[in-house]
Amino acid sequence: MSQAFVREGDDQWLNEVQPTVPALIHFLTRENNGIRVYEQKSFTDDKGRVVHVMSNGLSYAKNDKGEWEVR
């Protein structure tokens, strides 16, 4: 069995990424075909969550379970 075939089903989901900004950046860069995604700014929303605005045009925050989600 080829290595490519074995790895094909090993996709990672956003909510499975470690709850750190470097892990989020690594995941988003990989999902963006290797083109680096970086944090443009961050702010605290009205619920007290830190929101990270990324260069891919989306914002991300951790939910109540500590998992990343698109905001």
Protein backbone atom coordinates (compact mmCIF):
# COMPACT_ATOMS: atom_id res chain seq x y z
CA MET A 1 0.00 0.00 0.00
CA SER A 2 1.41 3.38 -0.93
CA GLN A 3 2.12 5.99 1.75
CA ALA A 4 -0.04 8.53 -0.08
CA PHE A 5 -3.02 6.20 0.11
CA VAL A 6 -2.54 5.60 3.83
CA ARG A 7 -2.30 9.31 4.68
CA GLU A 8 -5.27 10.33 2.54
CA GLY A 9 -7.81 9.76 5.31
CA ASP A 10 -5.72 11.47 8.01
CA ASP A 11 -7.10 14.98 7.45
CA GLN A 12 -7.23 17.11 10.56
CA TRP A 13 -10.25 19.26 11.39
CA LEU A 14 -10.06 22.78 12.81
CA ASN A 15 -11.54 21.71 16.15
CA GLU A 16 -8.77 19.08 16.48
CA VAL A 17 -5.94 21.65 16.28
CA GLN A 18 -4.11 22.33 19.54
CA PRO A 19 -5.44 25.51 21.19
CA THR A 20 -2.34 27.61 20.50
CA VAL A 21 -1.82 30.33 17.88
CA PRO A 22 1.31 28.65 16.41
CA ALA A 23 -0.66 25.40 15.94
CA LEU A 24 -3.49 27.36 14.29
CA ILE A 25 -1.03 29.10 11.95
CA HIS A 26 0.57 25.77 11.04
CA PHE A 27 -2.83 24.19 10.31
CA LEU A 28 -4.09 27.15 8.24
CA THR A 29 -0.85 27.32 6.26
CA ARG A 30 -1.09 23.61 5.45
CA GLU A 31 -4.75 24.05 4.41
CA ASN A 32 -3.71 27.01 2.23
CA ASN A 33 -1.42 24.80 0.08
CA GLY A 34 1.69 25.89 1.96
CA ILE A 35 1.15 29.63 1.50
CA ARG A 36 1.85 31.11 4.91
CA VAL A 37 -1.12 32.39 6.89
CA TYR A 38 -0.30 34.84 9.67
CA GLU A 39 -2.12 36.73 12.39
CA GLN A 40 -2.97 40.29 11.39
CA LYS A 41 -4.45 41.40 14.70
CA SER A 42 -6.29 40.13 17.72
CA PHE A 43 -8.94 41.61 19.99
CA THR A 44 -11.27 40.57 22.79
CA ASP A 45 -14.93 40.26 21.83
CA ASP A 46 -17.95 41.10 23.99
CA LYS A 47 -17.94 37.55 25.42
CA GLY A 48 -14.36 37.91 26.61
CA ARG A 49 -12.91 35.60 23.95
CA VAL A 50 -9.69 36.49 22.15
CA VAL A 51 -10.41 36.69 18.42
CA HIS A 52 -7.51 36.24 15.99
CA VAL A 53 -7.89 37.92 12.59
CA MET A 54 -5.82 35.96 10.10
CA SER A 55 -4.40 36.83 6.69
CA ASN A 56 -6.73 34.32 5.00
CA GLY A 57 -9.62 36.73 5.62
CA LEU A 58 -11.22 34.78 8.46
CA SER A 59 -11.28 35.25 12.23
CA TYR A 60 -10.83 32.44 14.74
CA ALA A 61 -11.58 32.08 18.44
CA LYS A 62 -11.71 29.24 20.94
CA ASN A 63 -15.12 27.99 21.98
CA ASP A 64 -16.18 26.95 25.50
CA LYS A 65 -14.46 23.57 25.01
CA GLY A 66 -11.14 25.28 24.11
CA GLU A 67 -11.44 24.26 20.45
CA TRP A 68 -10.80 26.59 17.52
CA GLU A 69 -13.77 27.78 15.52
CA VAL A 70 -14.34 30.28 12.73
CA ARG A 71 -15.95 33.38 14.10
